[in-house]
Amino acid sequence: MRSSVIDVAGVTFVATAISYATGIAYYNALFRGLNGNPDLFTVPLEKVLFEGGRQLAYIAFWPILYLSLTVIFAVFLAGIAKKTKFRWLRILVICVSRCNFSKALRKIHWALLFLFMTMITSYAFTAGKEAGDSFARQASCVKGVVQADLGEFTGCVIYKTDAELWIAVREGQKSVLLNIPADKYKSLRVY
């Protein structure tokens, strides 16, 4: 029982860490795509974890589906082998069930798990970055006007929370991303 609790806690910790890294990669790529320095903007933890978890679900859906279908097919095939007179099918099922491959894998499972988690993390981080880049390229402009203490800003509203508002405005030939704290603006009009 104790081992199961430790395994679940460990997997939860690793999955949360991968989700966080993927979400950070997503938002960093998004800010860079909008000409903003990601170090200057904060994203709430729940949004980072949500976006990272969404990317992980997107990455893992098809492999898990294929693995599940393969297992179901193997169980179905084993059931057919037991019920039919196909001798070669029964021999194949018996040979696979007696294979020592699983015993060999148990001895090095920790190394394989580390390698697998490293590959998943690397792939998830890259996928998060690509998704952020893609969203930044395809983001539609929500035109808005912010009436702030320092004046009026017209541009594309990118993100708004209770704590802050991000708006992309034009300064000369460049698009600049502004972060305006909630206590520094009076109103927001969206068109």
N, C-alpha and C. Protein backbone atom coordinates (compact mmCIF):
# COMPACT_ATOMS: atom_id res chain seq x y z
N MET A 1 0.83 -1.20 0.00
CA MET A 1 0.00 0.00 0.00
C MET A 1 0.87 1.25 0.00
N ARG A 2 1.89 1.28 0.85
CA ARG A 2 2.75 2.45 0.96
C ARG A 2 3.46 2.72 -0.36
N SER A 3 3.90 1.67 -1.02
CA SER A 3 4.58 1.81 -2.29
C SER A 3 3.65 2.43 -3.33
N SER A 4 2.39 2.05 -3.34
CA SER A 4 1.42 2.61 -4.29
C SER A 4 1.22 4.09 -4.05
N VAL A 5 1.13 4.50 -2.79
CA VAL A 5 0.95 5.91 -2.46
C VAL A 5 2.17 6.71 -2.92
N ILE A 6 3.35 6.18 -2.69
CA ILE A 6 4.57 6.85 -3.11
C ILE A 6 4.64 6.94 -4.62
N ASP A 7 4.25 5.87 -5.31
CA ASP A 7 4.25 5.89 -6.78
C ASP A 7 3.28 6.93 -7.32
N VAL A 8 2.07 6.99 -6.75
CA VAL A 8 1.08 7.97 -7.21
C VAL A 8 1.58 9.38 -6.93
N ALA A 9 2.14 9.61 -5.75
CA ALA A 9 2.66 10.94 -5.42
C ALA A 9 3.80 11.32 -6.34
N GLY A 10 4.68 10.40 -6.63
CA GLY A 10 5.80 10.68 -7.53
C GLY A 10 5.36 10.99 -8.94
N VAL A 11 4.42 10.20 -9.45
CA VAL A 11 3.91 10.44 -10.80
C VAL A 11 3.18 11.78 -10.86
N THR A 12 2.42 12.10 -9.81
CA THR A 12 1.72 13.37 -9.77
C THR A 12 2.70 14.53 -9.78
N PHE A 13 3.77 14.42 -9.00
CA PHE A 13 4.79 15.47 -8.97
C PHE A 13 5.44 15.64 -10.34
N VAL A 14 5.82 14.55 -10.97
CA VAL A 14 6.47 14.62 -12.28
C VAL A 14 5.52 15.17 -13.33
N ALA A 15 4.27 14.73 -13.32
CA ALA A 15 3.29 15.24 -14.30
C ALA A 15 3.04 16.73 -14.10
N THR A 16 2.98 17.19 -12.86
CA THR A 16 2.80 18.61 -12.59
C THR A 16 4.01 19.41 -13.07
N ALA A 17 5.21 18.88 -12.82
CA ALA A 17 6.42 19.57 -13.27
C ALA A 17 6.48 19.67 -14.79
N ILE A 18 6.13 18.60 -15.48
CA ILE A 18 6.12 18.62 -16.94
C ILE A 18 5.05 19.58 -17.44
N SER A 19 3.89 19.57 -16.82
CA SER A 19 2.82 20.48 -17.20
C SER A 19 3.24 21.93 -17.00
N TYR A 20 3.92 22.21 -15.91
CA TYR A 20 4.40 23.58 -15.63
C TYR A 20 5.43 24.00 -16.68
N ALA A 21 6.39 23.15 -16.97
CA ALA A 21 7.41 23.48 -17.96
C ALA A 21 6.79 23.71 -19.33
N THR A 22 5.82 22.90 -19.69
CA THR A 22 5.15 23.05 -20.98
C THR A 22 4.35 24.35 -21.03
N GLY A 23 3.65 24.67 -19.96
CA GLY A 23 2.88 25.93 -19.90
C GLY A 23 3.78 27.15 -19.96
N ILE A 24 4.91 27.10 -19.27
CA ILE A 24 5.87 28.22 -19.32
C ILE A 24 6.41 28.37 -20.74
N ALA A 25 6.75 27.26 -21.39
CA ALA A 25 7.23 27.33 -22.78
C ALA A 25 6.17 27.95 -23.68
N TYR A 26 4.91 27.59 -23.46
CA TYR A 26 3.81 28.14 -24.26
C TYR A 26 3.74 29.66 -24.10
N TYR A 27 3.69 30.12 -22.85
CA TYR A 27 3.55 31.56 -22.62
C TYR A 27 4.79 32.35 -23.02
N ASN A 28 5.98 31.78 -22.81
CA ASN A 28 7.20 32.46 -23.26
C ASN A 28 7.19 32.65 -24.77
N ALA A 29 6.81 31.62 -25.51
CA ALA A 29 6.73 31.72 -26.97
C ALA A 29 5.64 32.71 -27.39
N LEU A 30 4.53 32.72 -26.67
CA LEU A 30 3.46 33.65 -26.97
C LEU A 30 3.93 35.09 -26.81
N PHE A 31 4.59 35.40 -25.69
CA PHE A 31 5.07 36.76 -25.47
C PHE A 31 6.11 37.16 -26.50
N ARG A 32 7.02 36.25 -26.81
CA ARG A 32 8.04 36.58 -27.82
C ARG A 32 7.40 36.82 -29.17
N GLY A 33 6.35 36.05 -29.49
CA GLY A 33 5.64 36.24 -30.75
C GLY A 33 4.92 37.56 -30.82
N LEU A 34 4.59 38.14 -29.65
CA LEU A 34 3.91 39.43 -29.59
C LEU A 34 4.88 40.56 -29.28
N ASN A 35 6.18 40.31 -29.46
CA ASN A 35 7.24 41.29 -29.19
C ASN A 35 7.30 41.71 -27.73
N GLY A 36 7.02 40.80 -26.85
CA GLY A 36 7.11 41.07 -25.42
C GLY A 36 8.16 40.20 -24.78
N ASN A 37 8.83 40.73 -23.78
CA ASN A 37 9.83 39.97 -23.03
C ASN A 37 9.11 39.15 -21.97
N PRO A 38 9.19 37.81 -22.05
CA PRO A 38 8.44 36.99 -21.10
C PRO A 38 8.84 37.19 -19.64
N ASP A 39 10.04 37.71 -19.40
CA ASP A 39 10.47 37.94 -18.02
C ASP A 39 9.73 39.11 -17.37
N LEU A 40 9.10 39.95 -18.18
CA LEU A 40 8.43 41.13 -17.64
C LEU A 40 6.95 40.91 -17.36
N PHE A 41 6.43 39.74 -17.73
CA PHE A 41 5.01 39.47 -17.55
C PHE A 41 4.83 38.24 -16.67
N THR A 42 3.81 38.31 -15.84
CA THR A 42 3.51 37.16 -14.99
C THR A 42 2.19 36.54 -15.43
N VAL A 43 2.16 35.24 -15.39
CA VAL A 43 0.95 34.50 -15.71
C VAL A 43 0.57 33.72 -14.46
N PRO A 44 -0.70 33.75 -14.06
CA PRO A 44 -1.09 32.98 -12.88
C PRO A 44 -0.77 31.50 -13.03
N LEU A 45 -0.40 30.88 -11.92
CA LEU A 45 0.01 29.48 -11.92
C LEU A 45 -1.06 28.57 -12.51
N GLU A 46 -2.33 28.82 -12.19
CA GLU A 46 -3.37 27.94 -12.71
C GLU A 46 -3.47 28.01 -14.23
N LYS A 47 -3.21 29.17 -14.82
CA LYS A 47 -3.23 29.29 -16.28
C LYS A 47 -2.05 28.56 -16.89
N VAL A 48 -0.88 28.66 -16.26
CA VAL A 48 0.31 27.96 -16.74
C VAL A 48 0.08 26.45 -16.70
N LEU A 49 -0.42 25.95 -15.56
CA LEU A 49 -0.67 24.51 -15.42
C LEU A 49 -1.78 24.04 -16.36
N PHE A 50 -2.80 24.87 -16.54
CA PHE A 50 -3.88 24.49 -17.45
C PHE A 50 -3.36 24.36 -18.88
N GLU A 51 -2.62 25.36 -19.34
CA GLU A 51 -2.13 25.32 -20.72
C GLU A 51 -1.13 24.17 -20.90
N GLY A 52 -0.27 23.96 -19.90
CA GLY A 52 0.65 22.83 -19.98
C GLY A 52 -0.07 21.50 -19.97
N GLY A 53 -1.09 21.37 -19.12
CA GLY A 53 -1.88 20.14 -19.08
C GLY A 53 -2.63 19.91 -20.38
N ARG A 54 -3.14 20.98 -20.97
CA ARG A 54 -3.83 20.86 -22.26
C ARG A 54 -2.88 20.37 -23.34
N GLN A 55 -1.66 20.88 -23.33
CA GLN A 55 -0.67 20.43 -24.31
C GLN A 55 -0.30 18.97 -24.07
N LEU A 56 -0.15 18.58 -22.81
CA LEU A 56 0.16 17.18 -22.51
C LEU A 56 -0.97 16.25 -22.94
N ALA A 57 -2.20 16.66 -22.71
CA ALA A 57 -3.34 15.84 -23.14
C ALA A 57 -3.35 15.71 -24.66
N TYR A 58 -3.02 16.79 -25.35
CA TYR A 58 -2.97 16.76 -26.81
C TYR A 58 -1.87 15.81 -27.29
N ILE A 59 -0.72 15.83 -26.61
CA ILE A 59 0.40 14.98 -26.98
C ILE A 59 0.09 13.51 -26.70
N ALA A 60 -0.54 13.23 -25.56
CA ALA A 60 -0.70 11.84 -25.09
C ALA A 60 -1.95 11.14 -25.62
N PHE A 61 -2.89 11.85 -26.18
CA PHE A 61 -4.16 11.22 -26.54
C PHE A 61 -3.99 10.08 -27.53
N TRP A 62 -3.36 10.31 -28.68
CA TRP A 62 -3.26 9.27 -29.71
C TRP A 62 -2.39 8.10 -29.28
N PRO A 63 -1.23 8.31 -28.66
CA PRO A 63 -0.46 7.14 -28.20
C PRO A 63 -1.22 6.28 -27.19
N ILE A 64 -1.93 6.92 -26.27
CA ILE A 64 -2.70 6.15 -25.28
C ILE A 64 -3.83 5.40 -25.96
N LEU A 65 -4.48 6.03 -26.92
CA LEU A 65 -5.55 5.35 -27.66
C LEU A 65 -5.01 4.14 -28.41
N TYR A 66 -3.88 4.29 -29.11
CA TYR A 66 -3.29 3.17 -29.85
C TYR A 66 -2.84 2.05 -28.92
N LEU A 67 -2.25 2.40 -27.79
CA LEU A 67 -1.83 1.39 -26.82
C LEU A 67 -3.05 0.64 -26.27
N SER A 68 -4.10 1.36 -25.95
CA SER A 68 -5.32 0.72 -25.44
C SER A 68 -5.92 -0.22 -26.47
N LEU A 69 -5.98 0.22 -27.70
CA LEU A 69 -6.54 -0.64 -28.76
C LEU A 69 -5.67 -1.87 -28.98
N THR A 70 -4.34 -1.71 -28.88
CA THR A 70 -3.44 -2.85 -29.04
C THR A 70 -3.64 -3.87 -27.93
N VAL A 71 -3.78 -3.39 -26.69
CA VAL A 71 -4.01 -4.30 -25.56
C VAL A 71 -5.35 -5.02 -25.71
N ILE A 72 -6.38 -4.28 -26.10
CA ILE A 72 -7.69 -4.91 -26.30
C ILE A 72 -7.61 -5.96 -27.40
N PHE A 73 -6.91 -5.66 -28.48
CA PHE A 73 -6.76 -6.62 -29.57
C PHE A 73 -5.99 -7.86 -29.11
N ALA A 74 -4.92 -7.65 -28.30
CA ALA A 74 -4.13 -8.78 -27.81
C ALA A 74 -4.96 -9.67 -26.89
N VAL A 75 -5.77 -9.07 -26.03
CA VAL A 75 -6.64 -9.86 -25.15
C VAL A 75 -7.68 -10.62 -25.97
N PHE A 76 -8.23 -9.95 -26.96
CA PHE A 76 -9.20 -10.59 -27.85
C PHE A 76 -8.56 -11.76 -28.60
N LEU A 77 -7.34 -11.55 -29.09
CA LEU A 77 -6.61 -12.59 -29.81
C LEU A 77 -6.30 -13.78 -28.89
N ALA A 78 -5.91 -13.48 -27.65
CA ALA A 78 -5.64 -14.56 -26.69
C ALA A 78 -6.91 -15.35 -26.38
N GLY A 79 -8.04 -14.66 -26.28
CA GLY A 79 -9.31 -15.35 -26.04
C GLY A 79 -9.70 -16.25 -27.21
N ILE A 80 -9.47 -15.76 -28.42
CA ILE A 80 -9.76 -16.56 -29.61
C ILE A 80 -8.85 -17.78 -29.65
N ALA A 81 -7.58 -17.58 -29.29
CA ALA A 81 -6.62 -18.69 -29.32
C ALA A 81 -7.02 -19.81 -28.37
N LYS A 82 -7.58 -19.46 -27.21
CA LYS A 82 -8.00 -20.47 -26.25
C LYS A 82 -9.25 -21.22 -26.70
N LYS A 83 -10.10 -20.55 -27.45
CA LYS A 83 -11.38 -21.13 -27.84
C LYS A 83 -11.34 -21.88 -29.18
N THR A 84 -10.34 -21.62 -29.99
CA THR A 84 -10.31 -22.22 -31.33
C THR A 84 -9.30 -23.35 -31.43
N LYS A 85 -9.26 -23.94 -32.59
CA LYS A 85 -8.35 -25.05 -32.83
C LYS A 85 -7.09 -24.62 -33.56
N PHE A 86 -6.86 -23.30 -33.66
CA PHE A 86 -5.65 -22.83 -34.31
C PHE A 86 -4.46 -23.07 -33.39
N ARG A 87 -3.75 -24.13 -33.66
CA ARG A 87 -2.64 -24.52 -32.80
C ARG A 87 -1.55 -23.47 -32.79
N TRP A 88 -1.21 -22.90 -33.94
CA TRP A 88 -0.12 -21.91 -34.01
C TRP A 88 -0.44 -20.66 -33.20
N LEU A 89 -1.73 -20.30 -33.12
CA LEU A 89 -2.13 -19.12 -32.35
C LEU A 89 -1.99 -19.39 -30.85
N ARG A 90 -2.38 -20.60 -30.43
CA ARG A 90 -2.23 -20.97 -29.02
C ARG A 90 -0.76 -21.03 -28.62
N ILE A 91 0.08 -21.58 -29.48
CA ILE A 91 1.51 -21.67 -29.20
C ILE A 91 2.11 -20.27 -29.10
N LEU A 92 1.70 -19.36 -29.97
CA LEU A 92 2.19 -17.98 -29.93
C LEU A 92 1.83 -17.31 -28.61
N VAL A 93 0.58 -17.46 -28.17
CA VAL A 93 0.14 -16.86 -26.91
C VAL A 93 0.92 -17.44 -25.73
N ILE A 94 1.13 -18.75 -25.72
CA ILE A 94 1.89 -19.39 -24.63
C ILE A 94 3.33 -18.90 -24.62
N CYS A 95 3.95 -18.79 -25.79
CA CYS A 95 5.34 -18.32 -25.87
C CYS A 95 5.48 -16.89 -25.36
N VAL A 96 4.56 -16.04 -25.73
CA VAL A 96 4.62 -14.64 -25.28
C VAL A 96 4.41 -14.56 -23.78
N SER A 97 3.49 -15.34 -23.25
CA SER A 97 3.23 -15.28 -21.81
C SER A 97 4.39 -15.83 -20.98
N ARG A 98 5.19 -16.71 -21.53
CA ARG A 98 6.34 -17.29 -20.80
C ARG A 98 7.63 -16.53 -21.03
N CYS A 99 7.60 -15.50 -21.83
CA CYS A 99 8.80 -14.75 -22.19
C CYS A 99 9.43 -14.09 -20.96
N ASN A 100 10.74 -14.07 -20.88
CA ASN A 100 11.46 -13.47 -19.76
C ASN A 100 11.76 -11.99 -19.99
N PHE A 101 11.23 -11.44 -21.04
CA PHE A 101 11.47 -10.05 -21.37
C PHE A 101 10.97 -9.12 -20.25
N SER A 102 9.81 -9.44 -19.69
CA SER A 102 9.27 -8.60 -18.63
C SER A 102 10.13 -8.64 -17.38
N LYS A 103 10.74 -9.79 -17.10
CA LYS A 103 11.63 -9.89 -15.94
C LYS A 103 12.88 -9.04 -16.14
N ALA A 104 13.37 -9.02 -17.35
CA ALA A 104 14.56 -8.20 -17.64
C ALA A 104 14.22 -6.71 -17.53
N LEU A 105 13.05 -6.33 -17.98
CA LEU A 105 12.66 -4.93 -17.90
C LEU A 105 12.48 -4.46 -16.46
N ARG A 106 12.01 -5.35 -15.58
CA ARG A 106 11.83 -4.98 -14.18
C ARG A 106 13.13 -4.60 -13.50
N LYS A 107 14.24 -5.17 -13.94
CA LYS A 107 15.53 -4.88 -13.32
C LYS A 107 16.04 -3.49 -13.68
N ILE A 108 15.68 -3.00 -14.85
CA ILE A 108 16.16 -1.68 -15.27
C ILE A 108 15.01 -0.69 -15.47
N HIS A 109 13.89 -0.94 -14.82
CA HIS A 109 12.72 -0.08 -15.02
C HIS A 109 12.98 1.37 -14.64
N TRP A 110 13.78 1.62 -13.60
CA TRP A 110 14.04 2.99 -13.17
C TRP A 110 14.78 3.77 -14.26
N ALA A 111 15.72 3.14 -14.94
CA ALA A 111 16.46 3.82 -16.01
C ALA A 111 15.55 4.08 -17.21
N LEU A 112 14.71 3.11 -17.54
CA LEU A 112 13.79 3.29 -18.65
C LEU A 112 12.75 4.38 -18.34
N LEU A 113 12.31 4.41 -17.09
CA LEU A 113 11.35 5.43 -16.69
C LEU A 113 11.99 6.82 -16.77
N PHE A 114 13.21 6.95 -16.31
CA PHE A 114 13.91 8.23 -16.39
C PHE A 114 14.08 8.66 -17.85
N LEU A 115 14.49 7.74 -18.70
CA LEU A 115 14.65 8.04 -20.12
C LEU A 115 13.32 8.45 -20.74
N PHE A 116 12.26 7.72 -20.43
CA PHE A 116 10.94 8.03 -20.96
C PHE A 116 10.47 9.42 -20.50
N MET A 117 10.64 9.74 -19.22
CA MET A 117 10.21 11.03 -18.70
C MET A 117 11.03 12.17 -19.31
N THR A 118 12.32 11.93 -19.55
CA THR A 118 13.15 12.95 -20.20
C THR A 118 12.67 13.21 -21.62
N MET A 119 12.35 12.16 -22.33
CA MET A 119 11.86 12.32 -23.70
C MET A 119 10.51 13.04 -23.72
N ILE A 120 9.62 12.67 -22.82
CA ILE A 120 8.30 13.32 -22.75
C ILE A 120 8.45 14.79 -22.40
N THR A 121 9.31 15.11 -21.43
CA THR A 121 9.51 16.50 -21.03
C THR A 121 10.05 17.32 -22.19
N SER A 122 11.04 16.81 -22.86
CA SER A 122 11.63 17.53 -23.99
C SER A 122 10.60 17.75 -25.09
N TYR A 123 9.85 16.71 -25.41
CA TYR A 123 8.84 16.83 -26.45
C TYR A 123 7.73 17.79 -26.03
N ALA A 124 7.29 17.70 -24.77
CA ALA A 124 6.22 18.57 -24.28
C ALA A 124 6.67 20.03 -24.28
N PHE A 125 7.90 20.28 -23.88
CA PHE A 125 8.42 21.65 -23.86
C PHE A 125 8.44 22.22 -25.28
N THR A 126 8.91 21.43 -26.23
CA THR A 126 8.94 21.86 -27.62
C THR A 126 7.53 22.07 -28.16
N ALA A 127 6.62 21.17 -27.83
CA ALA A 127 5.24 21.30 -28.29
C ALA A 127 4.58 22.54 -27.69
N GLY A 128 4.87 22.83 -26.43
CA GLY A 128 4.33 24.04 -25.80
C GLY A 128 4.83 25.30 -26.48
N LYS A 129 6.11 25.31 -26.81
CA LYS A 129 6.70 26.46 -27.51
C LYS A 129 6.06 26.63 -28.88
N GLU A 130 5.91 25.54 -29.61
CA GLU A 130 5.29 25.61 -30.94
C GLU A 130 3.84 26.08 -30.86
N ALA A 131 3.11 25.62 -29.85
CA ALA A 131 1.72 26.05 -29.69
C ALA A 131 1.63 27.53 -29.36
N GLY A 132 2.54 28.02 -28.51
CA GLY A 132 2.57 29.46 -28.20
C GLY A 132 2.90 30.29 -29.42
N ASP A 133 3.90 29.84 -30.20
CA ASP A 133 4.24 30.54 -31.45
C ASP A 133 3.04 30.56 -32.40
N SER A 134 2.39 29.44 -32.53
CA SER A 134 1.24 29.32 -33.43
C SER A 134 0.11 30.24 -32.99
N PHE A 135 -0.17 30.27 -31.69
CA PHE A 135 -1.23 31.13 -31.19
C PHE A 135 -0.89 32.60 -31.40
N ALA A 136 0.37 32.96 -31.19
CA ALA A 136 0.79 34.35 -31.39
C ALA A 136 0.63 34.76 -32.86
N ARG A 137 0.93 33.85 -33.78
CA ARG A 137 0.79 34.15 -35.21
C ARG A 137 -0.66 34.24 -35.64
N GLN A 138 -1.52 33.43 -35.02
CA GLN A 138 -2.91 33.34 -35.47
C GLN A 138 -3.88 34.14 -34.60
N ALA A 139 -3.38 34.77 -33.55
CA ALA A 139 -4.25 35.48 -32.62
C ALA A 139 -4.97 36.62 -33.35
N SER A 140 -6.27 36.65 -33.18
CA SER A 140 -7.02 37.73 -33.79
C SER A 140 -6.99 38.93 -32.85
N CYS A 141 -7.07 40.08 -33.43
CA CYS A 141 -6.98 41.31 -32.66
C CYS A 141 -8.36 41.64 -32.08
N VAL A 142 -8.41 41.77 -30.77
CA VAL A 142 -9.61 42.26 -30.11
C VAL A 142 -9.34 43.73 -29.83
N LYS A 143 -9.85 44.58 -30.72
CA LYS A 143 -9.56 46.01 -30.64
C LYS A 143 -10.18 46.58 -29.38
N GLY A 144 -9.37 47.36 -28.67
CA GLY A 144 -9.84 47.96 -27.44
C GLY A 144 -9.15 49.27 -27.14
N VAL A 145 -9.79 50.04 -26.28
CA VAL A 145 -9.24 51.31 -25.82
C VAL A 145 -9.21 51.27 -24.30
N VAL A 146 -8.02 51.50 -23.75
CA VAL A 146 -7.85 51.50 -22.30
C VAL A 146 -7.64 52.94 -21.84
N GLN A 147 -8.49 53.37 -20.92
CA GLN A 147 -8.34 54.69 -20.31
C GLN A 147 -7.57 54.47 -19.03
N ALA A 148 -6.30 54.91 -19.02
CA ALA A 148 -5.42 54.68 -17.86
C ALA A 148 -5.02 56.01 -17.24
N ASP A 149 -4.33 55.91 -16.10
CA ASP A 149 -3.84 57.11 -15.42
C ASP A 149 -2.88 57.90 -16.31
N LEU A 150 -2.11 57.21 -17.16
CA LEU A 150 -1.10 57.87 -17.99
C LEU A 150 -1.64 58.29 -19.35
N GLY A 151 -2.90 58.06 -19.63
CA GLY A 151 -3.47 58.43 -20.91
C GLY A 151 -4.33 57.32 -21.48
N GLU A 152 -4.60 57.45 -22.76
CA GLU A 152 -5.45 56.48 -23.44
C GLU A 152 -4.60 55.64 -24.39
N PHE A 153 -4.82 54.32 -24.37
CA PHE A 153 -4.07 53.39 -25.21
C PHE A 153 -5.06 52.64 -26.10
N THR A 154 -4.79 52.67 -27.40
CA THR A 154 -5.63 51.96 -28.36
C THR A 154 -4.79 50.86 -28.99
N GLY A 155 -5.33 49.66 -29.02
CA GLY A 155 -4.58 48.54 -29.60
C GLY A 155 -5.37 47.25 -29.49
N CYS A 156 -4.64 46.14 -29.48
CA CYS A 156 -5.24 44.81 -29.37
C CYS A 156 -5.14 44.32 -27.93
N VAL A 157 -6.28 44.04 -27.33
CA VAL A 157 -6.29 43.51 -25.96
C VAL A 157 -5.91 42.03 -26.07
N ILE A 158 -4.83 41.66 -25.41
CA ILE A 158 -4.30 40.30 -25.48
C ILE A 158 -4.80 39.44 -24.33
N TYR A 159 -4.82 40.02 -23.13
CA TYR A 159 -5.07 39.21 -21.94
C TYR A 159 -5.56 40.14 -20.84
N LYS A 160 -6.53 39.69 -20.05
CA LYS A 160 -7.02 40.50 -18.95
C LYS A 160 -7.37 39.59 -17.78
N THR A 161 -6.89 39.97 -16.61
CA THR A 161 -7.26 39.29 -15.37
C THR A 161 -7.72 40.35 -14.38
N ASP A 162 -8.03 39.92 -13.16
CA ASP A 162 -8.39 40.88 -12.12
C ASP A 162 -7.20 41.75 -11.74
N ALA A 163 -6.00 41.27 -11.97
CA ALA A 163 -4.79 41.98 -11.54
C ALA A 163 -4.17 42.86 -12.61
N GLU A 164 -4.37 42.52 -13.89
CA GLU A 164 -3.66 43.26 -14.94
C GLU A 164 -4.34 43.11 -16.28
N LEU A 165 -3.87 43.94 -17.21
CA LEU A 165 -4.37 43.92 -18.57
C LEU A 165 -3.17 44.05 -19.50
N TRP A 166 -3.15 43.26 -20.56
CA TRP A 166 -2.08 43.34 -21.55
C TRP A 166 -2.69 43.83 -22.85
N ILE A 167 -2.08 44.84 -23.43
CA ILE A 167 -2.58 45.40 -24.68
C ILE A 167 -1.38 45.65 -25.60
N ALA A 168 -1.52 45.24 -26.85
CA ALA A 168 -0.48 45.48 -27.85
C ALA A 168 -0.82 46.77 -28.59
N VAL A 169 0.09 47.73 -28.56
CA VAL A 169 -0.11 49.02 -29.22
C VAL A 169 1.00 49.25 -30.23
N ARG A 170 0.75 50.14 -31.18
CA ARG A 170 1.76 50.48 -32.19
C ARG A 170 2.53 51.70 -31.72
N GLU A 171 3.84 51.60 -31.75
CA GLU A 171 4.72 52.73 -31.51
C GLU A 171 5.67 52.80 -32.70
N GLY A 172 5.40 53.73 -33.59
CA GLY A 172 6.19 53.80 -34.82
C GLY A 172 5.88 52.61 -35.69
N GLN A 173 6.91 51.86 -36.05
CA GLN A 173 6.76 50.67 -36.89
C GLN A 173 6.68 49.38 -36.08
N LYS A 174 6.77 49.48 -34.76
CA LYS A 174 6.80 48.29 -33.91
C LYS A 174 5.50 48.11 -33.13
N SER A 175 5.22 46.86 -32.83
CA SER A 175 4.13 46.53 -31.93
C SER A 175 4.73 46.35 -30.54
N VAL A 176 4.17 47.06 -29.57
CA VAL A 176 4.69 47.01 -28.20
C VAL A 176 3.60 46.43 -27.30
N LEU A 177 3.99 45.54 -26.42
CA LEU A 177 3.06 44.91 -25.50
C LEU A 177 3.12 45.64 -24.16
N LEU A 178 1.99 46.20 -23.73
CA LEU A 178 1.93 46.93 -22.46
C LEU A 178 1.23 46.10 -21.41
N ASN A 179 1.74 46.16 -20.21
CA ASN A 179 1.14 45.51 -19.06
C ASN A 179 0.66 46.61 -18.13
N ILE A 180 -0.65 46.72 -17.98
CA ILE A 180 -1.21 47.77 -17.14
C ILE A 180 -1.87 47.13 -15.94
N PRO A 181 -1.38 47.40 -14.72
CA PRO A 181 -2.01 46.84 -13.52
C PRO A 181 -3.45 47.32 -13.38
N ALA A 182 -4.28 46.53 -12.73
CA ALA A 182 -5.70 46.82 -12.62
C ALA A 182 -5.97 48.14 -11.92
N ASP A 183 -5.13 48.53 -10.98
CA ASP A 183 -5.36 49.79 -10.27
C ASP A 183 -4.87 51.01 -11.06
N LYS A 184 -4.29 50.81 -12.24
CA LYS A 184 -3.76 51.91 -13.04
C LYS A 184 -4.61 52.26 -14.25
N TYR A 185 -5.69 51.50 -14.48
CA TYR A 185 -6.58 51.90 -15.58
C TYR A 185 -8.00 52.04 -15.06
N LYS A 186 -8.71 52.98 -15.72
CA LYS A 186 -10.06 53.32 -15.26
C LYS A 186 -11.13 52.56 -16.02
N SER A 187 -10.91 52.38 -17.34
CA SER A 187 -11.92 51.70 -18.12
C SER A 187 -11.30 50.98 -19.31
N LEU A 188 -12.07 50.04 -19.83
CA LEU A 188 -11.66 49.29 -21.01
C LEU A 188 -12.87 49.21 -21.93
N ARG A 189 -12.68 49.68 -23.15
CA ARG A 189 -13.72 49.58 -24.16
C ARG A 189 -13.22 48.60 -25.23
N VAL A 190 -14.03 47.63 -25.56
CA VAL A 190 -13.66 46.63 -26.56
C VAL A 190 -14.60 46.78 -27.74
N TYR A 191 -14.03 46.75 -28.95
CA TYR A 191 -14.83 46.90 -30.18
C TYR A 191 -14.94 45.60 -30.90
